[in-house]
Amino acid sequence: MTQSGPIRRMRSAGITLGLTALVAASLTGCSNDNDTADYAAICVDPQTQQRTDDDQCKDEREYHGSGAGFFWFYMATRGGFLVPPVGGRYNTGDGSYTASNLRNGSGGTATIQRGGLATKGGNIGTIARGGFGNASKGGSGG
């Protein structure tokens, strides 16, 4: 009888350890990084190359080098780019005015977050990933 006691404890410790590893492995799949859009868009005036308030972009029209108005400018969320504050100038080499040619890391259709980035600007990798106080605004505004 004394032998069955320690064996039983070792078995339950092994099961506990195995379950802990299984739960830990499954939780790594729940990371917010998987929910991060591939691209985040800021509303801009291409004529002045300045970021404007998101409310100025009322639809998903694409800028093709001419025309006036406000358009979405798409930046990769994993590129380490700096998003300018509203009123600040942006670098056209950091993104694209067209969404149709954007692809994710696997070559598939990219996910896009239009607007909702911090108005004070910052590193797109940190301000596009949500968290407290950052709203996500997908789709078109009208």
C-alpha atoms as a PDB file:
ATOM      1  CA  MET A   1       0.000   0.000   0.000  1.00  0.00           C
ATOM      2  CA  THR A   2       2.821   2.420   0.653  1.00  0.00           C
ATOM      3  CA  GLN A   3       4.017   1.975  -2.899  1.00  0.00           C
ATOM      4  CA  SER A   4       0.701   2.941  -4.568  1.00  0.00           C
ATOM      5  CA  GLY A   5       0.567   6.294  -2.718  1.00  0.00           C
ATOM      6  CA  PRO A   6       3.743   7.873  -4.209  1.00  0.00           C
ATOM      7  CA  ILE A   7       3.070   6.486  -7.685  1.00  0.00           C
ATOM      8  CA  ARG A   8      -0.389   8.013  -7.688  1.00  0.00           C
ATOM      9  CA  ARG A   9       1.029  11.414  -6.664  1.00  0.00           C
ATOM     10  CA  MET A  10       3.645  11.289  -9.408  1.00  0.00           C
ATOM     11  CA  ARG A  11       0.965  10.502 -11.958  1.00  0.00           C
ATOM     12  CA  SER A  12      -1.235  13.424 -10.868  1.00  0.00           C
ATOM     13  CA  ALA A  13       1.788  15.755 -10.871  1.00  0.00           C
ATOM     14  CA  GLY A  14       2.563  14.654 -14.432  1.00  0.00           C
ATOM     15  CA  ILE A  15      -1.016  15.266 -15.514  1.00  0.00           C
ATOM     16  CA  THR A  16      -1.000  18.706 -13.880  1.00  0.00           C
ATOM     17  CA  LEU A  17       2.253  19.587 -15.594  1.00  0.00           C
ATOM     18  CA  GLY A  18       0.950  18.339 -18.947  1.00  0.00           C
ATOM     19  CA  LEU A  19      -2.294  20.307 -18.609  1.00  0.00           C
ATOM     20  CA  THR A  20      -0.380  23.458 -17.650  1.00  0.00           C
ATOM     21  CA  ALA A  21       1.767  23.167 -20.776  1.00  0.00           C
ATOM     22  CA  LEU A  22      -1.328  22.582 -22.930  1.00  0.00           C
ATOM     23  CA  VAL A  23      -3.139  25.626 -21.520  1.00  0.00           C
ATOM     24  CA  ALA A  24      -0.033  27.803 -21.926  1.00  0.00           C
ATOM     25  CA  ALA A  25       0.352  26.724 -25.557  1.00  0.00           C
ATOM     26  CA  SER A  26      -3.282  27.470 -26.329  1.00  0.00           C
ATOM     27  CA  LEU A  27      -3.107  30.926 -24.736  1.00  0.00           C
ATOM     28  CA  THR A  28      -0.283  32.019 -27.022  1.00  0.00           C
ATOM     29  CA  GLY A  29      -2.802  31.832 -29.864  1.00  0.00           C
ATOM     30  CA  CYS A  30      -4.957  34.448 -28.105  1.00  0.00           C
ATOM     31  CA  SER A  31      -2.456  37.236 -28.583  1.00  0.00           C
ATOM     32  CA  ASN A  32      -3.758  40.644 -29.664  1.00  0.00           C
ATOM     33  CA  ASP A  33      -1.150  40.619 -32.434  1.00  0.00           C
ATOM     34  CA  ASN A  34      -3.370  38.239 -34.425  1.00  0.00           C
ATOM     35  CA  ASP A  35      -6.164  40.814 -34.285  1.00  0.00           C
ATOM     36  CA  THR A  36      -3.944  43.614 -35.551  1.00  0.00           C
ATOM     37  CA  ALA A  37      -4.754  44.877 -39.016  1.00  0.00           C
ATOM     38  CA  ASP A  38      -1.996  44.511 -41.610  1.00  0.00           C
ATOM     39  CA  TYR A  39      -2.379  48.178 -42.540  1.00  0.00           C
ATOM     40  CA  ALA A  40      -3.652  51.261 -40.755  1.00  0.00           C
ATOM     41  CA  ALA A  41      -4.854  54.306 -42.662  1.00  0.00           C
ATOM     42  CA  ILE A  42      -4.626  57.965 -41.776  1.00  0.00           C
ATOM     43  CA  CYS A  43      -6.752  60.630 -43.443  1.00  0.00           C
ATOM     44  CA  VAL A  44      -4.595  63.004 -45.482  1.00  0.00           C
ATOM     45  CA  ASP A  45      -4.630  65.917 -47.902  1.00  0.00           C
ATOM     46  CA  PRO A  46      -2.283  64.798 -50.718  1.00  0.00           C
ATOM     47  CA  GLN A  47      -1.900  68.362 -51.990  1.00  0.00           C
ATOM     48  CA  THR A  48      -0.284  69.548 -48.731  1.00  0.00           C
ATOM     49  CA  GLN A  49       0.968  66.135 -47.580  1.00  0.00           C
ATOM     50  CA  GLN A  50      -0.576  66.764 -44.168  1.00  0.00           C
ATOM     51  CA  ARG A  51      -2.558  64.446 -41.949  1.00  0.00           C
ATOM     52  CA  THR A  52      -6.109  65.617 -41.288  1.00  0.00           C
ATOM     53  CA  ASP A  53      -8.826  64.552 -38.888  1.00  0.00           C
ATOM     54  CA  ASP A  54     -10.299  61.119 -39.701  1.00  0.00           C
ATOM     55  CA  ASP A  55     -13.764  62.655 -40.092  1.00  0.00           C
ATOM     56  CA  GLN A  56     -12.596  64.400 -43.286  1.00  0.00           C
ATOM     57  CA  CYS A  57     -12.360  61.046 -45.118  1.00  0.00           C
ATOM     58  CA  LYS A  58     -15.983  60.263 -45.833  1.00  0.00           C
ATOM     59  CA  ASP A  59     -15.477  57.313 -48.171  1.00  0.00           C
ATOM     60  CA  GLU A  60     -12.863  54.934 -49.529  1.00  0.00           C
ATOM     61  CA  ARG A  61     -11.940  56.896 -52.665  1.00  0.00           C
ATOM     62  CA  GLU A  62      -8.373  56.315 -53.744  1.00  0.00           C
ATOM     63  CA  TYR A  63      -5.997  59.077 -54.743  1.00  0.00           C
ATOM     64  CA  HIS A  64      -4.282  58.501 -58.086  1.00  0.00           C
ATOM     65  CA  GLY A  65      -2.126  61.617 -58.374  1.00  0.00           C
ATOM     66  CA  SER A  66      -4.758  64.199 -59.171  1.00  0.00           C
ATOM     67  CA  GLY A  67      -7.863  65.660 -57.666  1.00  0.00           C
ATOM     68  CA  ALA A  68      -8.608  67.559 -54.518  1.00  0.00           C
ATOM     69  CA  GLY A  69     -10.002  66.367 -51.236  1.00  0.00           C
ATOM     70  CA  PHE A  70      -9.091  64.067 -48.422  1.00  0.00           C
ATOM     71  CA  PHE A  71      -8.035  60.463 -48.883  1.00  0.00           C
ATOM     72  CA  TRP A  72      -6.896  57.482 -46.813  1.00  0.00           C
ATOM     73  CA  PHE A  73      -3.151  56.819 -46.761  1.00  0.00           C
ATOM     74  CA  TYR A  74      -2.294  53.198 -45.893  1.00  0.00           C
ATOM     75  CA  MET A  75       0.743  52.306 -43.777  1.00  0.00           C
ATOM     76  CA  ALA A  76       1.938  48.819 -42.779  1.00  0.00           C
ATOM     77  CA  THR A  77       1.423  48.278 -39.051  1.00  0.00           C
ATOM     78  CA  ARG A  78       4.593  46.213 -38.748  1.00  0.00           C
ATOM     79  CA  GLY A  79       6.877  48.595 -40.618  1.00  0.00           C
ATOM     80  CA  GLY A  80       7.971  50.708 -37.668  1.00  0.00           C
ATOM     81  CA  PHE A  81       6.788  53.841 -39.465  1.00  0.00           C
ATOM     82  CA  LEU A  82       6.069  57.041 -37.610  1.00  0.00           C
ATOM     83  CA  VAL A  83       2.537  58.370 -37.907  1.00  0.00           C
ATOM     84  CA  PRO A  84       2.437  62.164 -37.903  1.00  0.00           C
ATOM     85  CA  PRO A  85       0.127  64.072 -35.599  1.00  0.00           C
ATOM     86  CA  VAL A  86      -2.979  65.648 -37.123  1.00  0.00           C
ATOM     87  CA  GLY A  87      -1.684  68.697 -39.003  1.00  0.00           C
ATOM     88  CA  GLY A  88       1.769  67.144 -39.421  1.00  0.00           C
ATOM     89  CA  ARG A  89       3.378  66.130 -42.693  1.00  0.00           C
ATOM     90  CA  TYR A  90       3.684  62.474 -43.685  1.00  0.00           C
ATOM     91  CA  ASN A  91       6.238  60.754 -45.902  1.00  0.00           C
ATOM     92  CA  THR A  92       4.677  59.360 -49.099  1.00  0.00           C
ATOM     93  CA  GLY A  93       7.365  56.649 -49.136  1.00  0.00           C
ATOM     94  CA  ASP A  94       5.944  55.169 -45.929  1.00  0.00           C
ATOM     95  CA  GLY A  95       2.741  53.884 -47.473  1.00  0.00           C
ATOM     96  CA  SER A  96       0.261  53.892 -50.328  1.00  0.00           C
ATOM     97  CA  TYR A  97      -2.820  55.813 -51.451  1.00  0.00           C
ATOM     98  CA  THR A  98      -4.372  52.656 -52.885  1.00  0.00           C
ATOM     99  CA  ALA A  99      -5.672  49.704 -50.900  1.00  0.00           C
ATOM    100  CA  SER A 100      -6.260  47.387 -53.844  1.00  0.00           C
ATOM    101  CA  ASN A 101      -2.577  46.427 -54.117  1.00  0.00           C
ATOM    102  CA  LEU A 102      -2.005  45.794 -50.398  1.00  0.00           C
ATOM    103  CA  ARG A 103      -1.189  42.240 -49.283  1.00  0.00           C
ATOM    104  CA  ASN A 104      -0.591  40.620 -45.908  1.00  0.00           C
ATOM    105  CA  GLY A 105       2.609  38.794 -44.947  1.00  0.00           C
ATOM    106  CA  SER A 106       1.360  35.582 -46.602  1.00  0.00           C
ATOM    107  CA  GLY A 107       0.497  37.307 -49.880  1.00  0.00           C
ATOM    108  CA  GLY A 108      -3.246  37.216 -49.222  1.00  0.00           C
ATOM    109  CA  THR A 109      -5.755  40.014 -48.887  1.00  0.00           C
ATOM    110  CA  ALA A 110      -4.642  42.548 -46.295  1.00  0.00           C
ATOM    111  CA  THR A 111      -6.790  43.647 -43.379  1.00  0.00           C
ATOM    112  CA  ILE A 112      -7.120  47.393 -42.974  1.00  0.00           C
ATOM    113  CA  GLN A 113      -7.958  49.683 -40.071  1.00  0.00           C
ATOM    114  CA  ARG A 114      -9.126  53.080 -41.355  1.00  0.00           C
ATOM    115  CA  GLY A 115      -8.650  55.782 -38.769  1.00  0.00           C
ATOM    116  CA  GLY A 116      -8.646  55.484 -35.023  1.00  0.00           C
ATOM    117  CA  LEU A 117      -4.913  56.119 -34.638  1.00  0.00           C
ATOM    118  CA  ALA A 118      -3.638  58.496 -31.975  1.00  0.00           C
ATOM    119  CA  THR A 119      -4.095  62.099 -33.127  1.00  0.00           C
ATOM    120  CA  LYS A 120      -0.759  63.016 -31.513  1.00  0.00           C
ATOM    121  CA  GLY A 121       1.057  60.508 -33.748  1.00  0.00           C
ATOM    122  CA  GLY A 122       3.726  58.006 -32.797  1.00  0.00           C
ATOM    123  CA  ASN A 123       5.107  54.636 -33.876  1.00  0.00           C
ATOM    124  CA  ILE A 124       2.465  52.863 -35.951  1.00  0.00           C
ATOM    125  CA  GLY A 125       3.420  49.496 -34.435  1.00  0.00           C
ATOM    126  CA  THR A 126       2.333  50.640 -30.990  1.00  0.00           C
ATOM    127  CA  ILE A 127      -0.565  52.974 -31.752  1.00  0.00           C
ATOM    128  CA  ALA A 128      -2.281  50.677 -34.280  1.00  0.00           C
ATOM    129  CA  ARG A 129      -2.501  47.715 -31.906  1.00  0.00           C
ATOM    130  CA  GLY A 130      -5.415  48.977 -29.862  1.00  0.00           C
ATOM    131  CA  GLY A 131      -5.340  48.995 -26.101  1.00  0.00           C
ATOM    132  CA  PHE A 132      -7.019  51.463 -23.803  1.00  0.00           C
ATOM    133  CA  GLY A 133      -8.167  54.700 -25.407  1.00  0.00           C
ATOM    134  CA  ASN A 134      -7.634  53.717 -29.057  1.00  0.00           C
ATOM    135  CA  ALA A 135     -10.753  53.295 -31.151  1.00  0.00           C
ATOM    136  CA  SER A 136     -10.837  51.205 -34.274  1.00  0.00           C
ATOM    137  CA  LYS A 137     -12.772  52.641 -37.166  1.00  0.00           C
ATOM    138  CA  GLY A 138     -13.195  50.199 -40.003  1.00  0.00           C
ATOM    139  CA  GLY A 139     -14.928  50.585 -43.327  1.00  0.00           C
ATOM    140  CA  SER A 140     -16.031  53.841 -44.842  1.00  0.00           C
ATOM    141  CA  GLY A 141     -17.393  56.907 -43.175  1.00  0.00           C
ATOM    142  CA  GLY A 142     -20.208  57.600 -45.557  1.00  0.00           C
END
